[in-house]
C-alpha atoms as a PDB file:
ATOM      1  CA  MET A   1      27.923 -17.436  10.722  1.00  0.00           C
ATOM      2  CA  ASP A   2      27.334 -20.814   8.515  1.00  0.00           C
ATOM      3  CA  LEU A   3      24.913 -21.651   5.730  1.00  0.00           C
ATOM      4  CA  CYS A   4      23.967 -24.615   4.237  1.00  0.00           C
ATOM      5  CA  LYS A   5      21.361 -26.987   2.637  1.00  0.00           C
ATOM      6  CA  ILE A   6      19.393 -29.596   3.437  1.00  0.00           C
ATOM      7  CA  GLY A   7      16.876 -31.099   1.577  1.00  0.00           C
ATOM      8  CA  ASP A   8      14.674 -28.609   0.924  1.00  0.00           C
ATOM      9  CA  HIS A   9      15.666 -25.630   2.875  1.00  0.00           C
ATOM     10  CA  TYR A  10      18.475 -23.832   4.081  1.00  0.00           C
ATOM     11  CA  VAL A  11      20.103 -23.334   7.725  1.00  0.00           C
ATOM     12  CA  LEU A  12      21.604 -20.152   8.393  1.00  0.00           C
ATOM     13  CA  THR A  13      23.714 -20.469  12.224  1.00  0.00           C
ATOM     14  CA  ALA A  14      25.301 -17.330  13.826  1.00  0.00           C
ATOM     15  CA  ASP A  15      26.966 -17.712  17.155  1.00  0.00           C
ATOM     16  CA  LEU A  16      26.029 -14.395  19.372  1.00  0.00           C
ATOM     17  CA  PRO A  17      27.127 -15.348  22.717  1.00  0.00           C
ATOM     18  CA  GLY A  18      25.758 -13.083  25.572  1.00  0.00           C
ATOM     19  CA  ILE A  19      23.500 -11.405  23.184  1.00  0.00           C
ATOM     20  CA  ASP A  20      20.166 -10.364  25.082  1.00  0.00           C
ATOM     21  CA  PRO A  21      17.464 -12.366  23.227  1.00  0.00           C
ATOM     22  CA  GLY A  22      15.057  -9.827  23.416  1.00  0.00           C
ATOM     23  CA  SER A  23      17.783  -7.620  20.759  1.00  0.00           C
ATOM     24  CA  VAL A  24      17.705 -10.332  18.076  1.00  0.00           C
ATOM     25  CA  ASP A  25      15.908  -9.245  14.787  1.00  0.00           C
ATOM     26  CA  VAL A  26      15.145 -11.356  12.377  1.00  0.00           C
ATOM     27  CA  ASN A  27      13.428  -9.834   8.890  1.00  0.00           C
ATOM     28  CA  VAL A  28      12.483  -9.973   5.442  1.00  0.00           C
ATOM     29  CA  ASP A  29      12.499  -6.737   2.946  1.00  0.00           C
ATOM     30  CA  ASN A  30      12.259  -6.796  -0.459  1.00  0.00           C
ATOM     31  CA  GLY A  31      14.604 -10.179  -1.140  1.00  0.00           C
ATOM     32  CA  THR A  32      16.877  -9.173   1.751  1.00  0.00           C
ATOM     33  CA  LEU A  33      17.331 -10.710   5.134  1.00  0.00           C
ATOM     34  CA  THR A  34      18.702  -8.709   7.816  1.00  0.00           C
ATOM     35  CA  ILE A  35      19.901 -10.123  11.024  1.00  0.00           C
ATOM     36  CA  SER A  36      20.715  -7.884  13.871  1.00  0.00           C
ATOM     37  CA  ALA A  37      21.282  -8.005  17.981  1.00  0.00           C
ATOM     38  CA  HIS A  38      22.398  -6.171  20.845  1.00  0.00           C
ATOM     39  CA  ARG A  39      25.319  -6.489  23.522  1.00  0.00           C
ATOM     40  CA  THR A  40      25.851  -4.373  26.111  1.00  0.00           C
ATOM     41  CA  ALA A  41      28.844  -3.110  27.803  1.00  0.00           C
ATOM     42  CA  ARG A  42      29.759  -4.561  31.485  1.00  0.00           C
ATOM     43  CA  SER A  43      29.392  -1.329  33.386  1.00  0.00           C
ATOM     44  CA  GLU A  44      31.769  -2.169  36.264  1.00  0.00           C
ATOM     45  CA  GLU A  45      32.985   1.557  37.653  1.00  0.00           C
ATOM     46  CA  SER A  46      35.556   0.127  40.354  1.00  0.00           C
ATOM     47  CA  VAL A  47      37.164  -2.548  37.921  1.00  0.00           C
ATOM     48  CA  GLN A  48      40.222  -2.397  36.216  1.00  0.00           C
ATOM     49  CA  TRP A  49      40.677  -4.177  33.261  1.00  0.00           C
ATOM     50  CA  LEU A  50      43.305  -6.837  32.488  1.00  0.00           C
ATOM     51  CA  ALA A  51      42.171  -7.827  29.100  1.00  0.00           C
ATOM     52  CA  ASN A  52      38.488  -6.601  27.463  1.00  0.00           C
ATOM     53  CA  GLU A  53      38.496  -8.804  24.494  1.00  0.00           C
ATOM     54  CA  ARG A  54      34.834  -9.259  24.154  1.00  0.00           C
ATOM     55  CA  PHE A  55      32.597  -7.619  21.555  1.00  0.00           C
ATOM     56  CA  PHE A  56      29.618  -5.336  22.618  1.00  0.00           C
ATOM     57  CA  GLY A  57      27.643  -3.044  20.647  1.00  0.00           C
ATOM     58  CA  SER A  58      25.441  -3.784  18.058  1.00  0.00           C
ATOM     59  CA  TYR A  59      25.460  -6.885  15.339  1.00  0.00           C
ATOM     60  CA  ARG A  60      24.061  -7.045  11.958  1.00  0.00           C
ATOM     61  CA  ARG A  61      24.121  -8.974   9.020  1.00  0.00           C
ATOM     62  CA  GLN A  62      22.309  -8.950   6.149  1.00  0.00           C
ATOM     63  CA  LEU A  63      22.098 -11.296   2.942  1.00  0.00           C
ATOM     64  CA  SER A  64      20.265 -11.594  -0.607  1.00  0.00           C
ATOM     65  CA  LEU A  65      17.938 -14.085  -0.959  1.00  0.00           C
ATOM     66  CA  GLY A  66      17.279 -15.431  -4.397  1.00  0.00           C
ATOM     67  CA  ASP A  67      13.774 -15.793  -6.047  1.00  0.00           C
ATOM     68  CA  GLY A  68      13.091 -19.155  -5.444  1.00  0.00           C
ATOM     69  CA  ILE A  69      12.950 -18.880  -1.562  1.00  0.00           C
ATOM     70  CA  ASP A  70       9.557 -18.515   0.465  1.00  0.00           C
ATOM     71  CA  SER A  71      10.361 -15.597   2.428  1.00  0.00           C
ATOM     72  CA  SER A  72       6.703 -16.083   4.364  1.00  0.00           C
ATOM     73  CA  ALA A  73       7.935 -19.309   5.752  1.00  0.00           C
ATOM     74  CA  ILE A  74      11.464 -18.140   7.338  1.00  0.00           C
ATOM     75  CA  SER A  75      11.728 -18.989  10.876  1.00  0.00           C
ATOM     76  CA  ALA A  76      14.252 -18.602  13.377  1.00  0.00           C
ATOM     77  CA  THR A  77      15.049 -19.798  16.890  1.00  0.00           C
ATOM     78  CA  TYR A  78      17.896 -18.681  19.237  1.00  0.00           C
ATOM     79  CA  GLU A  79      18.932 -21.106  21.531  1.00  0.00           C
ATOM     80  CA  ASN A  80      22.236 -21.145  24.132  1.00  0.00           C
ATOM     81  CA  GLY A  81      23.451 -18.023  21.994  1.00  0.00           C
ATOM     82  CA  VAL A  82      22.866 -19.294  18.833  1.00  0.00           C
ATOM     83  CA  LEU A  83      20.942 -17.920  16.701  1.00  0.00           C
ATOM     84  CA  THR A  84      19.120 -21.010  13.838  1.00  0.00           C
ATOM     85  CA  VAL A  85      17.385 -19.100  11.111  1.00  0.00           C
ATOM     86  CA  THR A  86      15.581 -21.405   8.196  1.00  0.00           C
ATOM     87  CA  ILE A  87      15.399 -20.484   5.016  1.00  0.00           C
ATOM     88  CA  PRO A  88      12.582 -22.983   2.635  1.00  0.00           C
ATOM     89  CA  VAL A  89      12.854 -23.295  -0.802  1.00  0.00           C
ATOM     90  CA  ALA A  90       9.385 -21.918  -2.806  1.00  0.00           C
ATOM     91  CA  GLU A  91       7.577 -25.100  -3.921  1.00  0.00           C
ATOM     92  CA  ARG A  92       7.866 -23.296  -7.434  1.00  0.00           C
ATOM     93  CA  ALA A  93      11.721 -23.750  -7.101  1.00  0.00           C
ATOM     94  CA  ARG A  94      11.828 -27.483  -6.030  1.00  0.00           C
ATOM     95  CA  PRO A  95      13.339 -30.013  -8.313  1.00  0.00           C
ATOM     96  CA  ARG A  96      10.525 -32.119 -10.135  1.00  0.00           C
ATOM     97  CA  LYS A  97      10.210 -34.879 -12.003  1.00  0.00           C
ATOM     98  CA  ILE A  98       8.751 -34.256 -15.283  1.00  0.00           C
ATOM     99  CA  GLU A  99       6.387 -36.921 -17.143  1.00  0.00           C
ATOM    100  CA  VAL A 100       7.418 -38.582 -20.308  1.00  0.00           C
ATOM    101  CA  ALA A 101       4.992 -39.327 -22.724  1.00  0.00           C
ATOM    102  CA  HIS A 102       6.158 -42.480 -24.692  1.00  0.00           C
ATOM    103  CA  GLY A 103       5.175 -43.541 -27.802  1.00  0.00           C
ATOM    104  CA  ALA A 104       2.991 -46.340 -27.262  1.00  0.00           C
ATOM    105  CA  ASP A 105       0.260 -43.430 -25.544  1.00  0.00           C
ATOM    106  CA  ARG A 106       0.162 -41.705 -28.656  1.00  0.00           C
ATOM    107  CA  LYS A 107      -2.618 -42.128 -31.421  1.00  0.00           C
ATOM    108  CA  SER A 108      -2.176 -42.050 -35.048  1.00  0.00           C
ATOM    109  CA  ILE A 109      -4.968 -40.230 -37.010  1.00  0.00           C
ATOM    110  CA  GLU A 110      -6.120 -42.342 -40.462  1.00  0.00           C
ATOM    111  CA  THR A 111      -7.067 -39.883 -43.677  1.00  0.00           C
ATOM    112  CA  THR A 112      -8.120 -40.780 -46.746  1.00  0.00           C
ATOM    113  CA  VAL A 113      -6.934 -39.125 -50.053  1.00  0.00           C
ATOM    114  CA  ASP A 114      -9.665 -38.764 -52.782  1.00  0.00           C
ATOM    115  CA  ALA A 115      -7.475 -39.754 -56.528  1.00  0.00           C
ATOM    116  CA  ASP A 116      -8.983 -37.253 -58.850  1.00  0.00           C
END
């Protein structure tokens, strides 16, 4: 799995070769992103395995998301064995420029004092 930030969103990529696209599940619950998938083992009875190193079974990965994530706008695609999840930064958490008022923009208030 790789995770990087590009502009105002994060991009997570996970290699899941041979996974049935229908088994891929991405969800967010209470600030936790969960990715799960399943790859079925081969069931060839007449085969004598010389090497059998390819992963099969369930895949599950969880990540805690920070407060500055727009979880309602997370999207995911699965193409050519690679899952790509786009995680946008919430508008409120994006950097913004604060305008600073200059002294020339301020108005002075004149008062008079009565001398008794």
